[in-house]
Amino acid sequence: MTFMSFRNRRALKALRTCTHLMVVAHPDDETLWGGVQLAEGNNWGVICSTNGKNRARANAFVKAMKILGCCGIMLDVADRREHPPTNDDLEELAAFIGPLINGPGVVQVVTHGPDGEYGHPMHIAISELVTRLMRNVDSLYYFNFSETQDARVLKPRAWNLKESAIVRYLGQPSEMVDSDRRHYLLSMHEAPVQVADYVRPKALLRAIYAGSEVTIT
């Protein structure tokens, strides 16, 4: 499962020096749910649980990491899409990530929220696993989105880096994002407690980048 390619061995060495870690289910989750957090710096490392042997997604992940200025490693837990990982997969994943997220120099760990953002079984399983493994719960943060909080405008540089990383996964937008949509994407609602970054549902992002009409309420 751990898929220790030469590239991953080098990435693992770099991860052990990171003070901030993000643990996600799929390549692109780190960008969609925490891209600005990564772009803002603070010595971030990303652990992606699936698709390590999927060449296209692995290449997109490496490019996104380079854009966001952080190191990352991809493992190869089976991506069961609408089903959670098996107990064997979780045990092997726990043995790998447990020592990393509880490392002596780690001050913050970010992962999926308990609701899996939009109920994704794989996201929920990763959230439960990381929460169980964390020794210092005060250092654990969840991706979170709240429509009730005041929005904040993101710094242009951080958003531009996130947008560039998204393109590596979704491809070039079919049309320019109009000013109203871009303003909404730049103005994100955040919950103040245990939140790693602003978040947006993938479906909305994909619709925007496909040029579909999206009603934002």
N, C-alpha and C. Protein backbone atom coordinates (compact mmCIF):
# COMPACT_ATOMS: atom_id res chain seq x y z
N MET A 1 0.82 -1.21 0.00
CA MET A 1 0.00 0.00 0.00
C MET A 1 0.85 1.25 0.00
N THR A 2 1.93 1.28 0.78
CA THR A 2 2.66 2.53 0.97
C THR A 2 3.40 2.98 -0.29
N PHE A 3 3.66 2.07 -1.23
CA PHE A 3 4.18 2.44 -2.54
C PHE A 3 5.41 3.33 -2.42
N MET A 4 6.51 2.72 -1.95
CA MET A 4 7.74 3.48 -1.73
C MET A 4 8.58 3.59 -3.00
N SER A 5 8.10 4.41 -3.93
CA SER A 5 8.90 4.72 -5.11
C SER A 5 10.08 5.58 -4.68
N PHE A 6 11.03 5.76 -5.59
CA PHE A 6 12.18 6.62 -5.29
C PHE A 6 11.71 8.02 -4.94
N ARG A 7 10.71 8.50 -5.72
CA ARG A 7 10.19 9.84 -5.47
C ARG A 7 9.57 9.92 -4.08
N ASN A 8 8.84 8.87 -3.69
CA ASN A 8 8.22 8.87 -2.37
C ASN A 8 9.24 8.77 -1.25
N ARG A 9 10.33 8.06 -1.47
CA ARG A 9 11.36 7.98 -0.44
C ARG A 9 11.96 9.36 -0.17
N ARG A 10 12.19 10.11 -1.22
CA ARG A 10 12.70 11.47 -1.04
C ARG A 10 11.66 12.35 -0.36
N ALA A 11 10.39 12.18 -0.75
CA ALA A 11 9.33 12.97 -0.15
C ALA A 11 9.17 12.65 1.33
N LEU A 12 9.30 11.37 1.68
CA LEU A 12 9.17 10.97 3.08
C LEU A 12 10.25 11.62 3.93
N LYS A 13 11.46 11.69 3.41
CA LYS A 13 12.55 12.35 4.13
C LYS A 13 12.22 13.81 4.37
N ALA A 14 11.65 14.48 3.36
CA ALA A 14 11.27 15.88 3.50
C ALA A 14 10.11 16.05 4.47
N LEU A 15 9.14 15.13 4.43
CA LEU A 15 7.97 15.21 5.31
C LEU A 15 8.38 15.18 6.78
N ARG A 16 9.41 14.44 7.09
CA ARG A 16 9.84 14.30 8.48
C ARG A 16 10.41 15.60 9.05
N THR A 17 10.65 16.57 8.18
CA THR A 17 11.15 17.87 8.65
C THR A 17 10.04 18.92 8.70
N CYS A 18 8.82 18.55 8.27
CA CYS A 18 7.71 19.51 8.21
C CYS A 18 7.11 19.74 9.59
N THR A 19 6.72 20.97 9.84
CA THR A 19 6.06 21.32 11.11
C THR A 19 4.54 21.30 10.99
N HIS A 20 4.03 21.35 9.77
CA HIS A 20 2.59 21.34 9.51
C HIS A 20 2.30 20.24 8.49
N LEU A 21 1.31 19.39 8.81
CA LEU A 21 0.97 18.28 7.92
C LEU A 21 -0.51 18.30 7.57
N MET A 22 -0.82 17.94 6.34
CA MET A 22 -2.19 17.83 5.88
C MET A 22 -2.39 16.41 5.37
N VAL A 23 -3.39 15.71 5.90
CA VAL A 23 -3.66 14.32 5.52
C VAL A 23 -4.99 14.28 4.77
N VAL A 24 -4.95 13.82 3.52
CA VAL A 24 -6.16 13.84 2.69
C VAL A 24 -6.40 12.47 2.07
N ALA A 25 -7.60 12.30 1.55
CA ALA A 25 -7.98 11.04 0.93
C ALA A 25 -7.48 10.94 -0.51
N HIS A 26 -7.68 12.00 -1.29
CA HIS A 26 -7.41 11.94 -2.72
C HIS A 26 -6.51 13.08 -3.18
N PRO A 27 -5.77 12.86 -4.27
CA PRO A 27 -5.05 13.97 -4.87
C PRO A 27 -6.06 14.97 -5.44
N ASP A 28 -5.98 16.16 -5.03
CA ASP A 28 -6.79 17.36 -5.31
C ASP A 28 -7.53 17.82 -4.05
N ASP A 29 -7.76 16.91 -3.08
CA ASP A 29 -8.42 17.33 -1.83
C ASP A 29 -7.61 18.40 -1.12
N GLU A 30 -6.29 18.24 -1.10
CA GLU A 30 -5.45 19.23 -0.41
C GLU A 30 -5.58 20.61 -1.04
N THR A 31 -5.76 20.66 -2.36
CA THR A 31 -5.87 21.94 -3.06
C THR A 31 -7.26 22.53 -2.92
N LEU A 32 -8.29 21.71 -3.11
CA LEU A 32 -9.66 22.21 -3.03
C LEU A 32 -10.03 22.66 -1.63
N TRP A 33 -9.63 21.90 -0.62
CA TRP A 33 -10.05 22.19 0.74
C TRP A 33 -9.03 22.99 1.54
N GLY A 34 -7.77 22.99 1.13
CA GLY A 34 -6.75 23.68 1.92
C GLY A 34 -5.66 24.34 1.11
N GLY A 35 -5.94 24.66 -0.15
CA GLY A 35 -4.91 25.19 -1.02
C GLY A 35 -4.30 26.50 -0.56
N VAL A 36 -5.12 27.39 -0.05
CA VAL A 36 -4.60 28.69 0.40
C VAL A 36 -3.75 28.51 1.64
N GLN A 37 -4.18 27.64 2.54
CA GLN A 37 -3.38 27.35 3.73
C GLN A 37 -1.99 26.88 3.34
N LEU A 38 -1.91 26.01 2.35
CA LEU A 38 -0.62 25.53 1.88
C LEU A 38 0.18 26.64 1.23
N ALA A 39 -0.48 27.46 0.43
CA ALA A 39 0.21 28.53 -0.30
C ALA A 39 0.76 29.60 0.62
N GLU A 40 0.15 29.73 1.79
CA GLU A 40 0.61 30.76 2.73
C GLU A 40 1.87 30.36 3.48
N GLY A 41 2.34 29.14 3.26
CA GLY A 41 3.63 28.75 3.82
C GLY A 41 3.54 27.98 5.12
N ASN A 42 4.52 28.16 6.00
CA ASN A 42 4.60 27.49 7.31
C ASN A 42 5.10 26.04 7.22
N ASN A 43 5.92 25.74 6.22
CA ASN A 43 6.59 24.43 6.17
C ASN A 43 5.59 23.28 6.15
N TRP A 44 4.74 23.26 5.12
CA TRP A 44 3.69 22.25 5.00
C TRP A 44 4.16 21.00 4.27
N GLY A 45 3.61 19.87 4.71
CA GLY A 45 3.75 18.61 4.00
C GLY A 45 2.39 17.96 3.84
N VAL A 46 2.16 17.28 2.73
CA VAL A 46 0.86 16.67 2.44
C VAL A 46 1.01 15.16 2.30
N ILE A 47 0.13 14.42 2.99
CA ILE A 47 0.07 12.96 2.86
C ILE A 47 -1.24 12.63 2.16
N CYS A 48 -1.16 12.13 0.94
CA CYS A 48 -2.34 11.74 0.17
C CYS A 48 -2.47 10.22 0.24
N SER A 49 -3.64 9.73 0.60
CA SER A 49 -3.80 8.31 0.91
C SER A 49 -3.98 7.39 -0.29
N THR A 50 -4.43 7.92 -1.42
CA THR A 50 -4.80 7.07 -2.55
C THR A 50 -4.13 7.48 -3.86
N ASN A 51 -4.25 6.62 -4.85
CA ASN A 51 -3.88 6.91 -6.24
C ASN A 51 -2.39 7.04 -6.50
N GLY A 52 -1.56 6.47 -5.62
CA GLY A 52 -0.12 6.58 -5.80
C GLY A 52 0.39 5.96 -7.09
N LYS A 53 -0.32 4.97 -7.62
CA LYS A 53 0.11 4.31 -8.85
C LYS A 53 -0.65 4.79 -10.08
N ASN A 54 -1.49 5.79 -9.89
CA ASN A 54 -2.21 6.40 -11.01
C ASN A 54 -1.32 7.51 -11.57
N ARG A 55 -0.68 7.23 -12.70
CA ARG A 55 0.36 8.14 -13.20
C ARG A 55 -0.17 9.54 -13.45
N ALA A 56 -1.35 9.66 -14.05
CA ALA A 56 -1.89 10.98 -14.37
C ALA A 56 -2.16 11.78 -13.11
N ARG A 57 -2.79 11.15 -12.14
CA ARG A 57 -3.11 11.88 -10.91
C ARG A 57 -1.86 12.15 -10.08
N ALA A 58 -0.92 11.22 -10.11
CA ALA A 58 0.34 11.44 -9.39
C ALA A 58 1.11 12.61 -9.97
N ASN A 59 1.14 12.71 -11.30
CA ASN A 59 1.84 13.83 -11.93
C ASN A 59 1.16 15.16 -11.61
N ALA A 60 -0.18 15.16 -11.60
CA ALA A 60 -0.90 16.38 -11.25
C ALA A 60 -0.62 16.78 -9.81
N PHE A 61 -0.55 15.79 -8.92
CA PHE A 61 -0.26 16.06 -7.51
C PHE A 61 1.12 16.68 -7.35
N VAL A 62 2.12 16.12 -8.02
CA VAL A 62 3.48 16.64 -7.92
C VAL A 62 3.53 18.09 -8.41
N LYS A 63 2.85 18.38 -9.50
CA LYS A 63 2.83 19.75 -10.03
C LYS A 63 2.12 20.70 -9.08
N ALA A 64 1.02 20.24 -8.46
CA ALA A 64 0.31 21.08 -7.50
C ALA A 64 1.18 21.37 -6.29
N MET A 65 1.91 20.37 -5.81
CA MET A 65 2.80 20.58 -4.67
C MET A 65 3.87 21.62 -4.99
N LYS A 66 4.39 21.56 -6.19
CA LYS A 66 5.42 22.52 -6.59
C LYS A 66 4.86 23.93 -6.63
N ILE A 67 3.65 24.08 -7.17
CA ILE A 67 3.01 25.39 -7.24
C ILE A 67 2.75 25.94 -5.85
N LEU A 68 2.26 25.10 -4.95
CA LEU A 68 1.89 25.54 -3.61
C LEU A 68 3.08 25.64 -2.67
N GLY A 69 4.23 25.18 -3.10
CA GLY A 69 5.46 25.34 -2.33
C GLY A 69 5.58 24.42 -1.14
N CYS A 70 5.06 23.19 -1.27
CA CYS A 70 5.17 22.25 -0.15
C CYS A 70 5.57 20.87 -0.67
N CYS A 71 5.94 19.99 0.23
CA CYS A 71 6.29 18.63 -0.17
C CYS A 71 5.08 17.73 0.03
N GLY A 72 5.04 16.62 -0.69
CA GLY A 72 3.90 15.73 -0.57
C GLY A 72 4.27 14.31 -0.92
N ILE A 73 3.49 13.38 -0.40
CA ILE A 73 3.70 11.96 -0.67
C ILE A 73 2.35 11.33 -0.99
N MET A 74 2.35 10.42 -1.97
CA MET A 74 1.12 9.72 -2.35
C MET A 74 1.25 8.24 -2.00
N LEU A 75 0.29 7.73 -1.26
CA LEU A 75 0.22 6.31 -0.94
C LEU A 75 -0.75 5.65 -1.91
N ASP A 76 -1.02 4.37 -1.71
CA ASP A 76 -1.84 3.68 -2.69
C ASP A 76 -2.93 2.83 -2.05
N VAL A 77 -3.60 3.38 -1.05
CA VAL A 77 -4.81 2.74 -0.52
C VAL A 77 -5.83 2.68 -1.66
N ALA A 78 -6.54 1.57 -1.78
CA ALA A 78 -7.53 1.44 -2.84
C ALA A 78 -8.59 2.52 -2.71
N ASP A 79 -8.84 3.23 -3.80
CA ASP A 79 -9.86 4.27 -3.82
C ASP A 79 -11.19 3.63 -4.16
N ARG A 80 -11.99 3.37 -3.13
CA ARG A 80 -13.23 2.63 -3.32
C ARG A 80 -14.41 3.55 -3.61
N ARG A 81 -14.13 4.82 -3.85
CA ARG A 81 -15.12 5.80 -4.27
C ARG A 81 -16.27 5.91 -3.28
N GLU A 82 -17.32 5.16 -3.47
CA GLU A 82 -18.50 5.31 -2.63
C GLU A 82 -18.47 4.41 -1.40
N HIS A 83 -17.32 3.78 -1.13
CA HIS A 83 -17.21 2.88 0.01
C HIS A 83 -15.99 3.24 0.83
N PRO A 84 -16.03 3.04 2.14
CA PRO A 84 -14.86 3.31 2.97
C PRO A 84 -13.77 2.29 2.73
N PRO A 85 -12.53 2.60 3.11
CA PRO A 85 -11.44 1.64 2.96
C PRO A 85 -11.64 0.44 3.87
N THR A 86 -10.97 -0.66 3.55
CA THR A 86 -11.06 -1.86 4.38
C THR A 86 -10.27 -1.67 5.67
N ASN A 87 -10.54 -2.54 6.65
CA ASN A 87 -9.80 -2.47 7.91
C ASN A 87 -8.31 -2.71 7.70
N ASP A 88 -7.97 -3.61 6.77
CA ASP A 88 -6.56 -3.87 6.49
C ASP A 88 -5.87 -2.62 5.94
N ASP A 89 -6.55 -1.93 5.03
CA ASP A 89 -6.00 -0.69 4.49
C ASP A 89 -5.80 0.35 5.58
N LEU A 90 -6.78 0.47 6.46
CA LEU A 90 -6.70 1.47 7.53
C LEU A 90 -5.58 1.14 8.51
N GLU A 91 -5.40 -0.14 8.82
CA GLU A 91 -4.33 -0.52 9.74
C GLU A 91 -2.95 -0.20 9.15
N GLU A 92 -2.79 -0.48 7.86
CA GLU A 92 -1.51 -0.19 7.22
C GLU A 92 -1.29 1.31 7.11
N LEU A 93 -2.35 2.04 6.81
CA LEU A 93 -2.26 3.49 6.72
C LEU A 93 -1.93 4.09 8.08
N ALA A 94 -2.55 3.56 9.13
CA ALA A 94 -2.28 4.04 10.49
C ALA A 94 -0.82 3.84 10.87
N ALA A 95 -0.27 2.69 10.51
CA ALA A 95 1.13 2.41 10.84
C ALA A 95 2.07 3.38 10.13
N PHE A 96 1.66 3.86 8.97
CA PHE A 96 2.51 4.77 8.21
C PHE A 96 2.39 6.21 8.69
N ILE A 97 1.15 6.70 8.84
CA ILE A 97 0.98 8.13 9.14
C ILE A 97 1.07 8.44 10.63
N GLY A 98 0.80 7.46 11.50
CA GLY A 98 0.83 7.72 12.93
C GLY A 98 2.12 8.35 13.41
N PRO A 99 3.29 7.75 13.09
CA PRO A 99 4.55 8.34 13.53
C PRO A 99 4.81 9.72 12.93
N LEU A 100 4.29 9.97 11.72
CA LEU A 100 4.52 11.26 11.08
C LEU A 100 3.73 12.37 11.75
N ILE A 101 2.43 12.16 11.96
CA ILE A 101 1.60 13.23 12.52
C ILE A 101 1.87 13.46 14.00
N ASN A 102 2.51 12.49 14.65
CA ASN A 102 2.87 12.66 16.06
C ASN A 102 4.36 12.93 16.24
N GLY A 103 5.01 13.35 15.17
CA GLY A 103 6.43 13.65 15.23
C GLY A 103 6.73 14.80 16.18
N PRO A 104 7.93 14.85 16.74
CA PRO A 104 8.26 15.86 17.76
C PRO A 104 8.21 17.30 17.26
N GLY A 105 8.40 17.51 15.95
CA GLY A 105 8.40 18.88 15.44
C GLY A 105 7.09 19.33 14.85
N VAL A 106 6.06 18.47 14.87
CA VAL A 106 4.78 18.81 14.24
C VAL A 106 3.93 19.66 15.18
N VAL A 107 3.50 20.82 14.70
CA VAL A 107 2.69 21.72 15.52
C VAL A 107 1.24 21.80 15.06
N GLN A 108 0.95 21.34 13.85
CA GLN A 108 -0.43 21.38 13.35
C GLN A 108 -0.65 20.26 12.34
N VAL A 109 -1.80 19.59 12.48
CA VAL A 109 -2.22 18.57 11.53
C VAL A 109 -3.63 18.92 11.06
N VAL A 110 -3.83 18.90 9.76
CA VAL A 110 -5.13 19.24 9.17
C VAL A 110 -5.64 18.05 8.37
N THR A 111 -6.92 17.76 8.51
CA THR A 111 -7.50 16.66 7.74
C THR A 111 -8.97 16.93 7.47
N HIS A 112 -9.64 15.97 6.86
CA HIS A 112 -11.06 16.10 6.54
C HIS A 112 -11.90 16.24 7.81
N GLY A 113 -13.02 16.93 7.69
CA GLY A 113 -13.93 17.05 8.81
C GLY A 113 -14.68 15.75 9.05
N PRO A 114 -15.25 15.58 10.24
CA PRO A 114 -15.98 14.36 10.57
C PRO A 114 -17.13 14.05 9.62
N ASP A 115 -17.67 15.08 8.96
CA ASP A 115 -18.77 14.86 8.02
C ASP A 115 -18.28 14.56 6.61
N GLY A 116 -16.95 14.50 6.44
CA GLY A 116 -16.41 14.22 5.11
C GLY A 116 -16.68 15.31 4.10
N GLU A 117 -16.88 16.55 4.56
CA GLU A 117 -17.18 17.71 3.73
C GLU A 117 -18.54 17.60 3.05
N TYR A 118 -18.75 16.56 2.27
CA TYR A 118 -20.06 16.36 1.64
C TYR A 118 -20.50 14.91 1.77
N GLY A 119 -20.03 14.28 2.87
CA GLY A 119 -20.44 12.91 3.16
C GLY A 119 -19.66 11.83 2.46
N HIS A 120 -18.50 12.16 1.89
CA HIS A 120 -17.71 11.15 1.16
C HIS A 120 -17.17 10.12 2.15
N PRO A 121 -17.46 8.82 1.94
CA PRO A 121 -17.03 7.78 2.89
C PRO A 121 -15.52 7.74 3.11
N MET A 122 -14.74 7.98 2.06
CA MET A 122 -13.29 7.95 2.20
C MET A 122 -12.80 9.12 3.05
N HIS A 123 -13.40 10.29 2.86
CA HIS A 123 -13.03 11.45 3.67
C HIS A 123 -13.34 11.20 5.14
N ILE A 124 -14.52 10.64 5.39
CA ILE A 124 -14.93 10.36 6.77
C ILE A 124 -13.98 9.36 7.42
N ALA A 125 -13.59 8.32 6.68
CA ALA A 125 -12.68 7.31 7.22
C ALA A 125 -11.32 7.91 7.56
N ILE A 126 -10.80 8.78 6.70
CA ILE A 126 -9.51 9.42 6.97
C ILE A 126 -9.61 10.34 8.17
N SER A 127 -10.72 11.08 8.28
CA SER A 127 -10.93 11.96 9.43
C SER A 127 -10.93 11.16 10.73
N GLU A 128 -11.67 10.06 10.75
CA GLU A 128 -11.74 9.23 11.95
C GLU A 128 -10.38 8.65 12.31
N LEU A 129 -9.64 8.21 11.30
CA LEU A 129 -8.34 7.61 11.53
C LEU A 129 -7.36 8.62 12.12
N VAL A 130 -7.26 9.78 11.49
CA VAL A 130 -6.31 10.80 11.97
C VAL A 130 -6.69 11.26 13.37
N THR A 131 -7.98 11.44 13.61
CA THR A 131 -8.43 11.87 14.94
C THR A 131 -8.06 10.83 16.00
N ARG A 132 -8.22 9.56 15.67
CA ARG A 132 -7.87 8.49 16.61
C ARG A 132 -6.37 8.44 16.89
N LEU A 133 -5.58 8.70 15.86
CA LEU A 133 -4.13 8.58 16.00
C LEU A 133 -3.47 9.77 16.69
N MET A 134 -4.11 10.94 16.62
CA MET A 134 -3.48 12.14 17.15
C MET A 134 -3.34 12.09 18.67
N ARG A 135 -2.14 12.29 19.17
CA ARG A 135 -1.91 12.33 20.61
C ARG A 135 -2.22 13.70 21.18
N ASN A 136 -1.92 14.74 20.41
CA ASN A 136 -2.18 16.11 20.85
C ASN A 136 -3.36 16.66 20.07
N VAL A 137 -4.56 16.50 20.62
CA VAL A 137 -5.77 16.90 19.91
C VAL A 137 -5.80 18.40 19.64
N ASP A 138 -5.15 19.18 20.49
CA ASP A 138 -5.13 20.63 20.30
C ASP A 138 -4.44 21.03 19.00
N SER A 139 -3.63 20.15 18.44
CA SER A 139 -2.92 20.45 17.20
C SER A 139 -3.69 20.01 15.96
N LEU A 140 -4.88 19.43 16.16
CA LEU A 140 -5.65 18.88 15.04
C LEU A 140 -6.69 19.89 14.56
N TYR A 141 -6.72 20.10 13.25
CA TYR A 141 -7.70 21.00 12.63
C TYR A 141 -8.45 20.25 11.54
N TYR A 142 -9.73 20.65 11.35
CA TYR A 142 -10.55 20.05 10.31
C TYR A 142 -10.85 21.07 9.22
N PHE A 143 -10.96 20.59 7.98
CA PHE A 143 -11.53 21.44 6.94
C PHE A 143 -12.95 21.77 7.37
N ASN A 144 -13.36 23.01 7.17
CA ASN A 144 -14.70 23.39 7.62
C ASN A 144 -15.22 24.52 6.75
N PHE A 145 -16.51 24.55 6.57
CA PHE A 145 -17.14 25.61 5.78
C PHE A 145 -18.40 26.05 6.49
N SER A 146 -18.53 27.35 6.67
CA SER A 146 -19.69 27.88 7.38
C SER A 146 -20.28 29.05 6.61
N GLU A 147 -21.53 28.93 6.21
CA GLU A 147 -22.22 30.03 5.54
C GLU A 147 -22.61 31.13 6.51
N THR A 148 -22.53 30.85 7.81
CA THR A 148 -22.98 31.83 8.79
C THR A 148 -21.88 32.80 9.20
N GLN A 149 -20.63 32.50 8.85
CA GLN A 149 -19.52 33.36 9.23
C GLN A 149 -19.31 34.44 8.17
N ASP A 150 -18.78 35.58 8.61
CA ASP A 150 -18.43 36.62 7.66
C ASP A 150 -17.33 36.12 6.74
N ALA A 151 -17.42 36.49 5.47
CA ALA A 151 -16.40 36.08 4.51
C ALA A 151 -15.15 36.92 4.69
N ARG A 152 -14.03 36.36 4.23
CA ARG A 152 -12.80 37.13 4.19
C ARG A 152 -12.29 37.12 2.76
N VAL A 153 -11.66 38.19 2.35
CA VAL A 153 -11.10 38.25 1.01
C VAL A 153 -9.69 37.71 1.05
N LEU A 154 -9.41 36.75 0.21
CA LEU A 154 -8.10 36.12 0.19
C LEU A 154 -7.09 37.03 -0.49
N LYS A 155 -5.85 36.92 -0.07
CA LYS A 155 -4.80 37.67 -0.73
C LYS A 155 -4.65 37.16 -2.16
N PRO A 156 -4.52 38.09 -3.12
CA PRO A 156 -4.46 37.67 -4.54
C PRO A 156 -3.39 36.62 -4.81
N ARG A 157 -2.21 36.74 -4.21
CA ARG A 157 -1.15 35.78 -4.48
C ARG A 157 -1.56 34.38 -4.05
N ALA A 158 -2.17 34.27 -2.84
CA ALA A 158 -2.58 32.96 -2.34
C ALA A 158 -3.66 32.35 -3.23
N TRP A 159 -4.65 33.17 -3.61
CA TRP A 159 -5.69 32.64 -4.49
C TRP A 159 -5.13 32.23 -5.84
N ASN A 160 -4.25 33.05 -6.42
CA ASN A 160 -3.69 32.73 -7.73
C ASN A 160 -2.92 31.41 -7.71
N LEU A 161 -2.19 31.16 -6.62
CA LEU A 161 -1.47 29.89 -6.50
C LEU A 161 -2.45 28.72 -6.40
N LYS A 162 -3.50 28.91 -5.60
CA LYS A 162 -4.50 27.84 -5.47
C LYS A 162 -5.18 27.59 -6.81
N GLU A 163 -5.54 28.66 -7.51
CA GLU A 163 -6.20 28.51 -8.80
C GLU A 163 -5.30 27.77 -9.79
N SER A 164 -4.02 28.09 -9.79
CA SER A 164 -3.07 27.41 -10.68
C SER A 164 -2.97 25.93 -10.35
N ALA A 165 -2.99 25.61 -9.06
CA ALA A 165 -2.93 24.20 -8.64
C ALA A 165 -4.21 23.46 -9.03
N ILE A 166 -5.36 24.11 -8.89
CA ILE A 166 -6.63 23.49 -9.28
C ILE A 166 -6.62 23.13 -10.76
N VAL A 167 -6.07 24.02 -11.57
CA VAL A 167 -6.02 23.78 -13.01
C VAL A 167 -5.23 22.51 -13.33
N ARG A 168 -4.23 22.19 -12.53
CA ARG A 168 -3.45 20.97 -12.77
C ARG A 168 -4.32 19.73 -12.64
N TYR A 169 -5.36 19.82 -11.82
CA TYR A 169 -6.26 18.68 -11.64
C TYR A 169 -7.45 18.73 -12.59
N LEU A 170 -8.06 19.89 -12.72
CA LEU A 170 -9.31 20.00 -13.47
C LEU A 170 -9.11 20.39 -14.92
N GLY A 171 -7.92 20.84 -15.29
CA GLY A 171 -7.68 21.33 -16.63
C GLY A 171 -8.00 22.81 -16.73
N GLN A 172 -7.65 23.41 -17.84
CA GLN A 172 -7.90 24.83 -18.03
C GLN A 172 -9.39 25.09 -18.06
N PRO A 173 -9.85 26.19 -17.43
CA PRO A 173 -11.28 26.53 -17.49
C PRO A 173 -11.71 26.76 -18.93
N SER A 174 -12.93 26.33 -19.27
CA SER A 174 -13.39 26.46 -20.64
C SER A 174 -13.71 27.90 -21.00
N GLU A 175 -13.90 28.73 -20.00
CA GLU A 175 -14.12 30.15 -20.24
C GLU A 175 -13.63 30.91 -19.02
N MET A 176 -13.38 32.17 -19.18
CA MET A 176 -12.92 32.98 -18.06
C MET A 176 -14.01 33.04 -17.00
N VAL A 177 -13.61 32.94 -15.75
CA VAL A 177 -14.56 33.06 -14.66
C VAL A 177 -15.01 34.50 -14.57
N ASP A 178 -16.32 34.74 -14.61
CA ASP A 178 -16.79 36.12 -14.61
C ASP A 178 -16.53 36.76 -13.25
N SER A 179 -16.66 38.08 -13.19
CA SER A 179 -16.24 38.82 -12.00
C SER A 179 -17.04 38.44 -10.77
N ASP A 180 -18.35 38.17 -10.93
CA ASP A 180 -19.17 37.82 -9.78
C ASP A 180 -18.74 36.47 -9.20
N ARG A 181 -18.49 35.50 -10.06
CA ARG A 181 -18.05 34.20 -9.59
C ARG A 181 -16.68 34.30 -8.94
N ARG A 182 -15.79 35.05 -9.59
CA ARG A 182 -14.44 35.18 -9.05
C ARG A 182 -14.48 35.88 -7.69
N HIS A 183 -15.33 36.90 -7.56
CA HIS A 183 -15.45 37.59 -6.28
C HIS A 183 -15.90 36.63 -5.20
N TYR A 184 -16.87 35.75 -5.54
CA TYR A 184 -17.33 34.81 -4.54
C TYR A 184 -16.23 33.83 -4.16
N LEU A 185 -15.47 33.38 -5.16
CA LEU A 185 -14.38 32.46 -4.88
C LEU A 185 -13.30 33.11 -4.03
N LEU A 186 -13.13 34.42 -4.19
CA LEU A 186 -12.12 35.13 -3.41
C LEU A 186 -12.63 35.48 -2.02
N SER A 187 -13.95 35.44 -1.81
CA SER A 187 -14.52 35.80 -0.52
C SER A 187 -15.12 34.56 0.11
N MET A 188 -14.38 33.95 1.02
CA MET A 188 -14.78 32.67 1.56
C MET A 188 -15.17 32.75 3.03
N HIS A 189 -16.19 31.99 3.38
CA HIS A 189 -16.65 31.93 4.75
C HIS A 189 -15.80 30.93 5.53
N GLU A 190 -15.39 31.29 6.72
CA GLU A 190 -14.59 30.39 7.55
C GLU A 190 -15.18 30.29 8.94
N ALA A 191 -15.15 29.09 9.49
CA ALA A 191 -15.49 28.92 10.89
C ALA A 191 -14.23 29.18 11.71
N PRO A 192 -14.33 29.86 12.84
CA PRO A 192 -13.13 30.27 13.57
C PRO A 192 -12.46 29.15 14.38
N VAL A 193 -13.15 28.05 14.60
CA VAL A 193 -12.60 27.01 15.46
C VAL A 193 -12.20 25.80 14.63
N GLN A 194 -10.95 25.40 14.77
CA GLN A 194 -10.41 24.21 14.12
C GLN A 194 -10.73 24.18 12.62
N VAL A 195 -10.30 25.21 11.96
CA VAL A 195 -10.48 25.23 10.52
C VAL A 195 -9.13 25.46 9.87
N ALA A 196 -8.82 24.66 8.87
CA ALA A 196 -7.52 24.78 8.22
C ALA A 196 -7.53 25.83 7.13
N ASP A 197 -8.64 25.93 6.44
CA ASP A 197 -8.69 26.82 5.30
C ASP A 197 -10.15 26.96 4.89
N TYR A 198 -10.45 27.89 4.02
CA TYR A 198 -11.80 27.96 3.51
C TYR A 198 -12.01 26.76 2.61
N VAL A 199 -13.24 26.39 2.40
CA VAL A 199 -13.52 25.22 1.59
C VAL A 199 -14.68 25.49 0.65
N ARG A 200 -14.70 24.77 -0.45
CA ARG A 200 -15.81 24.84 -1.40
C ARG A 200 -16.13 23.42 -1.87
N PRO A 201 -17.39 23.08 -2.05
CA PRO A 201 -17.72 21.76 -2.58
C PRO A 201 -17.13 21.54 -3.97
N LYS A 202 -16.65 20.35 -4.21
CA LYS A 202 -16.03 20.07 -5.51
C LYS A 202 -17.00 20.29 -6.66
N ALA A 203 -18.25 19.92 -6.45
CA ALA A 203 -19.21 20.05 -7.54
C ALA A 203 -19.32 21.49 -8.02
N LEU A 204 -19.31 22.43 -7.07
CA LEU A 204 -19.41 23.83 -7.44
C LEU A 204 -18.16 24.28 -8.19
N LEU A 205 -16.99 23.86 -7.70
CA LEU A 205 -15.76 24.23 -8.39
C LEU A 205 -15.74 23.68 -9.81
N ARG A 206 -16.14 22.43 -9.97
CA ARG A 206 -16.12 21.84 -11.30
C ARG A 206 -17.12 22.55 -12.22
N ALA A 207 -18.27 22.92 -11.68
CA ALA A 207 -19.27 23.62 -12.48
C ALA A 207 -18.75 24.98 -12.93
N ILE A 208 -18.08 25.67 -12.01
CA ILE A 208 -17.53 26.98 -12.34
C ILE A 208 -16.49 26.87 -13.44
N TYR A 209 -15.61 25.88 -13.30
CA TYR A 209 -14.53 25.74 -14.28
C TYR A 209 -15.02 25.17 -15.60
N ALA A 210 -16.22 24.59 -15.61
CA ALA A 210 -16.80 24.11 -16.86
C ALA A 210 -17.64 25.19 -17.52
N GLY A 211 -17.79 26.32 -16.83
CA GLY A 211 -18.58 27.41 -17.38
C GLY A 211 -20.07 27.23 -17.19
N SER A 212 -20.48 26.32 -16.31
CA SER A 212 -21.90 26.09 -16.09
C SER A 212 -22.51 27.23 -15.29
N GLU A 213 -23.80 27.38 -15.44
CA GLU A 213 -24.49 28.38 -14.64
C GLU A 213 -24.66 27.84 -13.23
N VAL A 214 -24.20 28.59 -12.26
CA VAL A 214 -24.27 28.17 -10.87
C VAL A 214 -24.97 29.26 -10.07
N THR A 215 -26.00 28.90 -9.35
CA THR A 215 -26.68 29.85 -8.49
C THR A 215 -26.11 29.75 -7.10
N ILE A 216 -25.57 30.84 -6.59
CA ILE A 216 -24.97 30.86 -5.26
C ILE A 216 -25.93 31.57 -4.32
N THR A 217 -26.40 30.86 -3.30
CA THR A 217 -27.36 31.45 -2.38
C THR A 217 -26.68 31.90 -1.11
